[in-house]
Each structure stands twice: as C-alpha cells, then as structure tokens.
N, C-alpha and C. Protein backbone atom coordinates (compact mmCIF):
# COMPACT_ATOMS: atom_id res chain seq x y z
N MET A 1 43.04 2.90 -14.80
CA MET A 1 41.79 2.46 -14.22
C MET A 1 40.71 2.64 -15.27
N ALA A 2 40.12 1.54 -15.69
CA ALA A 2 39.10 1.57 -16.74
C ALA A 2 37.71 1.57 -16.13
N PHE A 3 36.82 2.27 -16.79
CA PHE A 3 35.40 2.29 -16.39
C PHE A 3 34.73 1.08 -17.00
N SER A 4 34.11 0.25 -16.15
CA SER A 4 33.45 -0.94 -16.68
C SER A 4 31.97 -0.93 -16.31
N VAL A 5 31.17 -1.39 -17.23
CA VAL A 5 29.73 -1.52 -17.01
C VAL A 5 29.45 -2.98 -16.70
N GLY A 6 28.56 -3.22 -15.76
CA GLY A 6 28.23 -4.59 -15.37
C GLY A 6 29.03 -5.02 -14.17
N ASP A 7 28.96 -6.29 -13.84
CA ASP A 7 29.71 -6.87 -12.72
C ASP A 7 29.56 -6.08 -11.43
N GLY A 8 28.35 -5.67 -11.11
CA GLY A 8 28.10 -4.99 -9.85
C GLY A 8 28.30 -3.49 -9.87
N ALA A 9 28.59 -2.91 -11.03
CA ALA A 9 28.82 -1.47 -11.10
C ALA A 9 27.59 -0.68 -10.66
N ALA A 10 26.41 -1.15 -11.01
CA ALA A 10 25.18 -0.44 -10.63
C ALA A 10 25.00 -0.46 -9.12
N VAL A 11 25.27 -1.59 -8.49
CA VAL A 11 25.12 -1.68 -7.05
C VAL A 11 26.11 -0.75 -6.35
N THR A 12 27.32 -0.77 -6.80
CA THR A 12 28.34 0.12 -6.22
C THR A 12 27.95 1.57 -6.40
N PHE A 13 27.48 1.92 -7.59
CA PHE A 13 27.05 3.29 -7.87
C PHE A 13 25.89 3.69 -6.96
N MET A 14 24.87 2.83 -6.89
CA MET A 14 23.69 3.15 -6.08
C MET A 14 24.03 3.25 -4.60
N VAL A 15 24.88 2.40 -4.12
CA VAL A 15 25.25 2.46 -2.71
C VAL A 15 25.97 3.77 -2.41
N SER A 16 26.92 4.15 -3.25
CA SER A 16 27.65 5.39 -2.98
C SER A 16 26.74 6.61 -3.10
N ALA A 17 25.89 6.66 -4.11
CA ALA A 17 24.96 7.78 -4.26
C ALA A 17 23.93 7.75 -3.13
N GLY A 18 23.43 6.59 -2.80
CA GLY A 18 22.41 6.46 -1.76
C GLY A 18 22.91 6.90 -0.40
N VAL A 19 24.14 6.60 -0.10
CA VAL A 19 24.70 7.00 1.19
C VAL A 19 24.72 8.53 1.31
N VAL A 20 25.13 9.21 0.24
CA VAL A 20 25.15 10.67 0.27
C VAL A 20 23.75 11.22 0.52
N TYR A 21 22.77 10.73 -0.25
CA TYR A 21 21.39 11.21 -0.09
C TYR A 21 20.84 10.86 1.28
N GLU A 22 21.10 9.67 1.77
CA GLU A 22 20.57 9.24 3.06
C GLU A 22 21.11 10.11 4.19
N VAL A 23 22.39 10.39 4.17
CA VAL A 23 23.00 11.18 5.22
C VAL A 23 22.47 12.61 5.20
N ILE A 24 22.40 13.20 4.01
CA ILE A 24 21.89 14.56 3.92
C ILE A 24 20.42 14.61 4.34
N ALA A 25 19.62 13.66 3.88
CA ALA A 25 18.20 13.62 4.24
C ALA A 25 18.02 13.43 5.74
N ALA A 26 18.82 12.58 6.33
CA ALA A 26 18.70 12.33 7.77
C ALA A 26 19.06 13.58 8.57
N CYS A 27 19.91 14.40 8.03
CA CYS A 27 20.30 15.62 8.72
C CYS A 27 19.30 16.75 8.52
N CYS A 28 18.50 16.69 7.49
CA CYS A 28 17.64 17.82 7.13
C CYS A 28 16.18 17.65 7.50
N SER A 29 15.58 16.53 7.20
CA SER A 29 14.14 16.39 7.40
C SER A 29 13.74 14.94 7.35
N SER A 30 12.46 14.72 7.60
CA SER A 30 11.88 13.39 7.53
C SER A 30 10.37 13.56 7.44
N PRO A 31 9.64 12.50 7.09
CA PRO A 31 8.19 12.63 7.12
C PRO A 31 7.67 13.05 8.50
N GLN A 32 8.34 12.62 9.55
CA GLN A 32 7.90 12.99 10.90
C GLN A 32 8.00 14.50 11.12
N THR A 33 9.14 15.10 10.77
CA THR A 33 9.26 16.55 10.96
C THR A 33 8.37 17.30 9.97
N ALA A 34 8.15 16.72 8.80
CA ALA A 34 7.22 17.34 7.85
C ALA A 34 5.82 17.38 8.44
N GLN A 35 5.41 16.30 9.11
CA GLN A 35 4.09 16.27 9.73
C GLN A 35 4.00 17.27 10.87
N ILE A 36 5.00 17.29 11.72
CA ILE A 36 5.00 18.18 12.87
C ILE A 36 4.91 19.64 12.43
N ASN A 37 5.57 19.98 11.32
CA ASN A 37 5.65 21.37 10.88
C ASN A 37 4.92 21.63 9.57
N ALA A 38 3.90 20.84 9.28
CA ALA A 38 3.17 20.98 8.02
C ALA A 38 2.60 22.38 7.84
N ASP A 39 2.15 23.00 8.92
CA ASP A 39 1.59 24.36 8.82
C ASP A 39 2.58 25.34 8.19
N THR A 40 3.84 25.25 8.58
CA THR A 40 4.83 26.19 8.06
C THR A 40 5.54 25.67 6.82
N ARG A 41 5.49 24.36 6.56
CA ARG A 41 6.21 23.79 5.42
C ARG A 41 5.33 23.40 4.24
N ALA A 42 4.03 23.41 4.38
CA ALA A 42 3.13 22.87 3.35
C ALA A 42 3.34 23.52 1.98
N SER A 43 3.63 24.80 1.96
CA SER A 43 3.75 25.49 0.68
C SER A 43 4.96 25.03 -0.14
N THR A 44 5.98 24.55 0.50
CA THR A 44 7.18 24.11 -0.23
C THR A 44 7.49 22.63 -0.09
N LEU A 45 6.81 21.95 0.80
CA LEU A 45 7.16 20.56 1.09
C LEU A 45 7.14 19.67 -0.15
N MET A 46 6.02 19.61 -0.85
CA MET A 46 5.93 18.69 -1.98
C MET A 46 6.78 19.16 -3.16
N LYS A 47 7.06 20.45 -3.25
CA LYS A 47 7.99 20.94 -4.27
C LYS A 47 9.34 20.23 -4.10
N TRP A 48 9.82 20.16 -2.87
CA TRP A 48 11.12 19.55 -2.63
C TRP A 48 11.07 18.03 -2.69
N VAL A 49 9.94 17.45 -2.38
CA VAL A 49 9.79 16.00 -2.57
C VAL A 49 9.86 15.69 -4.06
N LYS A 50 9.21 16.50 -4.89
CA LYS A 50 9.26 16.29 -6.35
C LYS A 50 10.67 16.46 -6.88
N ILE A 51 11.38 17.47 -6.41
CA ILE A 51 12.78 17.66 -6.83
C ILE A 51 13.61 16.46 -6.42
N GLY A 52 13.39 15.97 -5.22
CA GLY A 52 14.10 14.77 -4.75
C GLY A 52 13.77 13.55 -5.58
N MET A 53 12.51 13.40 -5.96
CA MET A 53 12.11 12.27 -6.80
C MET A 53 12.79 12.33 -8.17
N LEU A 54 12.91 13.53 -8.74
CA LEU A 54 13.61 13.68 -10.02
C LEU A 54 15.08 13.30 -9.88
N GLN A 55 15.70 13.76 -8.81
CA GLN A 55 17.11 13.42 -8.58
C GLN A 55 17.28 11.92 -8.40
N ALA A 56 16.42 11.33 -7.60
CA ALA A 56 16.49 9.88 -7.37
C ALA A 56 16.27 9.12 -8.66
N GLY A 57 15.30 9.57 -9.47
CA GLY A 57 15.04 8.93 -10.76
C GLY A 57 16.26 8.97 -11.67
N PHE A 58 16.98 10.08 -11.63
CA PHE A 58 18.21 10.21 -12.43
C PHE A 58 19.23 9.15 -12.02
N PHE A 59 19.42 8.97 -10.72
CA PHE A 59 20.39 7.99 -10.25
C PHE A 59 19.93 6.56 -10.53
N VAL A 60 18.66 6.29 -10.37
CA VAL A 60 18.15 4.95 -10.69
C VAL A 60 18.32 4.67 -12.18
N ALA A 61 18.06 5.66 -13.03
CA ALA A 61 18.23 5.48 -14.47
C ALA A 61 19.68 5.13 -14.80
N ILE A 62 20.63 5.78 -14.15
CA ILE A 62 22.05 5.46 -14.38
C ILE A 62 22.34 4.03 -13.93
N ALA A 63 21.82 3.64 -12.77
CA ALA A 63 22.04 2.27 -12.29
C ALA A 63 21.44 1.25 -13.23
N VAL A 64 20.27 1.53 -13.75
CA VAL A 64 19.62 0.63 -14.71
C VAL A 64 20.50 0.50 -15.96
N TRP A 65 21.08 1.60 -16.39
CA TRP A 65 21.96 1.59 -17.56
C TRP A 65 23.25 0.84 -17.29
N LEU A 66 23.81 0.97 -16.08
CA LEU A 66 25.10 0.36 -15.76
C LEU A 66 25.05 -1.16 -15.59
N ASP A 67 23.94 -1.67 -15.18
CA ASP A 67 23.86 -3.08 -14.84
C ASP A 67 23.12 -3.87 -15.91
N LYS A 68 23.65 -5.02 -16.26
CA LYS A 68 23.00 -5.87 -17.25
C LYS A 68 21.67 -6.41 -16.72
N ASP A 69 21.62 -6.68 -15.43
CA ASP A 69 20.39 -7.14 -14.79
C ASP A 69 19.67 -5.90 -14.24
N ARG A 70 18.81 -5.31 -15.05
CA ARG A 70 18.22 -4.01 -14.75
C ARG A 70 17.09 -4.05 -13.73
N TRP A 71 16.43 -5.18 -13.56
CA TRP A 71 15.25 -5.24 -12.71
C TRP A 71 15.49 -4.89 -11.25
N PRO A 72 16.55 -5.35 -10.62
CA PRO A 72 16.72 -5.00 -9.20
C PRO A 72 16.82 -3.49 -8.96
N SER A 73 17.58 -2.79 -9.79
CA SER A 73 17.70 -1.34 -9.63
C SER A 73 16.38 -0.65 -9.91
N LEU A 74 15.70 -1.07 -10.97
CA LEU A 74 14.43 -0.46 -11.35
C LEU A 74 13.36 -0.73 -10.29
N LEU A 75 13.26 -1.96 -9.84
CA LEU A 75 12.26 -2.32 -8.84
C LEU A 75 12.54 -1.64 -7.50
N GLY A 76 13.79 -1.68 -7.05
CA GLY A 76 14.15 -1.05 -5.78
C GLY A 76 13.92 0.45 -5.80
N GLY A 77 14.34 1.11 -6.88
CA GLY A 77 14.14 2.55 -6.99
C GLY A 77 12.68 2.92 -7.05
N ALA A 78 11.91 2.19 -7.84
CA ALA A 78 10.49 2.48 -7.97
C ALA A 78 9.75 2.26 -6.66
N LEU A 79 10.03 1.16 -5.99
CA LEU A 79 9.36 0.87 -4.73
C LEU A 79 9.71 1.91 -3.66
N ALA A 80 10.98 2.26 -3.56
CA ALA A 80 11.38 3.28 -2.59
C ALA A 80 10.74 4.63 -2.92
N GLY A 81 10.68 4.98 -4.19
CA GLY A 81 10.06 6.24 -4.59
C GLY A 81 8.59 6.28 -4.23
N ILE A 82 7.88 5.20 -4.49
CA ILE A 82 6.45 5.14 -4.16
C ILE A 82 6.24 5.24 -2.65
N ILE A 83 7.03 4.51 -1.89
CA ILE A 83 6.89 4.53 -0.44
C ILE A 83 7.19 5.92 0.12
N MET A 84 8.27 6.56 -0.34
CA MET A 84 8.61 7.88 0.18
C MET A 84 7.61 8.94 -0.26
N TRP A 85 7.11 8.86 -1.49
CA TRP A 85 6.09 9.81 -1.95
C TRP A 85 4.86 9.71 -1.04
N TRP A 86 4.40 8.48 -0.81
CA TRP A 86 3.24 8.28 0.04
C TRP A 86 3.52 8.77 1.46
N SER A 87 4.70 8.51 1.98
CA SER A 87 5.05 8.91 3.34
C SER A 87 4.95 10.42 3.51
N TYR A 88 5.51 11.17 2.57
CA TYR A 88 5.46 12.63 2.68
C TYR A 88 4.06 13.18 2.44
N LYS A 89 3.32 12.61 1.50
CA LYS A 89 1.94 13.06 1.28
C LYS A 89 1.10 12.80 2.53
N HIS A 90 1.26 11.63 3.13
CA HIS A 90 0.53 11.29 4.35
C HIS A 90 0.94 12.21 5.50
N ALA A 91 2.24 12.45 5.64
CA ALA A 91 2.73 13.33 6.70
C ALA A 91 2.15 14.72 6.56
N MET A 92 2.13 15.25 5.35
CA MET A 92 1.60 16.59 5.14
C MET A 92 0.11 16.63 5.47
N GLN A 93 -0.64 15.65 5.00
CA GLN A 93 -2.08 15.61 5.26
C GLN A 93 -2.36 15.52 6.76
N CYS A 94 -1.68 14.62 7.45
CA CYS A 94 -1.88 14.48 8.89
C CYS A 94 -1.49 15.75 9.64
N GLY A 95 -0.40 16.36 9.23
CA GLY A 95 0.05 17.58 9.88
C GLY A 95 -0.92 18.73 9.69
N LEU A 96 -1.47 18.86 8.49
CA LEU A 96 -2.42 19.94 8.23
C LEU A 96 -3.74 19.72 8.96
N GLU A 97 -4.09 18.47 9.21
CA GLU A 97 -5.33 18.16 9.92
C GLU A 97 -5.17 18.21 11.44
N SER A 98 -3.94 18.27 11.91
CA SER A 98 -3.66 18.24 13.34
C SER A 98 -3.81 19.63 13.97
N ALA A 99 -4.28 19.64 15.19
CA ALA A 99 -4.36 20.89 15.96
C ALA A 99 -3.13 21.08 16.84
N GLU A 100 -2.24 20.10 16.83
CA GLU A 100 -1.02 20.18 17.65
C GLU A 100 -0.09 21.26 17.10
N PRO A 101 0.59 21.98 17.98
CA PRO A 101 1.54 23.00 17.50
C PRO A 101 2.79 22.36 16.91
N GLY A 102 3.36 23.01 15.92
CA GLY A 102 4.61 22.54 15.34
C GLY A 102 5.79 23.04 16.15
N THR A 103 6.97 22.77 15.65
CA THR A 103 8.18 23.24 16.33
C THR A 103 8.80 24.44 15.63
N GLU A 104 8.22 24.83 14.49
CA GLU A 104 8.71 26.00 13.75
C GLU A 104 7.63 27.07 13.76
N TYR A 105 8.05 28.32 13.94
CA TYR A 105 7.06 29.41 13.99
C TYR A 105 7.37 30.48 12.99
C-alpha cells in the first residue's frame, strides 16, 4: 500500500480528522454551554479555543500540503476557524454579561 499525494488525499485526510474532532467536541462542549457557564469557564475557555485553533491549523496545513488544489482546504479551514473563534468569543461575552445562572457551580 503506497502513500499517494493528490487525487483526493487531502479530502480523505480532512474528513477522517474532522470526524474525530467533531465527535469529541460534540461530546465535550459548544458555544452554547460556554455561554451558559461563562462565569466558571471564562478563565480557561479561550485558552482551549486557542489550543484547538492550533490543532486545527496543523491539520489544515497537512491537507493543503497533500492536495494539488490547495484553495478548498485553505479556504474551508480558514472560514471555519474564523466562524468558530467568533462563536466562542461571542458566547463568552454574552455569558459574562448575563445574570442567568449557569449549570456549573
């Protein structure tokens, strides 16, 4: 079995990596739970978003390298990163401004 670059390798790589991250993220947190529990999570929330962004950037960089047509991986990764960064920043801000109780004490 030979390792080949191109011919959809980046898409296959990103799908397999993305599924792992999506499932773990869905099981652990979301912008909604970050907003609800911003009072207790604010000190570490963006630290973990930054770590996640670095990890995601690593995988996008590999996909860009694997595929001859680099723009789809680069554009998709960048757009998703921007949207998720904004989502978590907005969730944290809304949660900190809210008087509603969180679910974590």
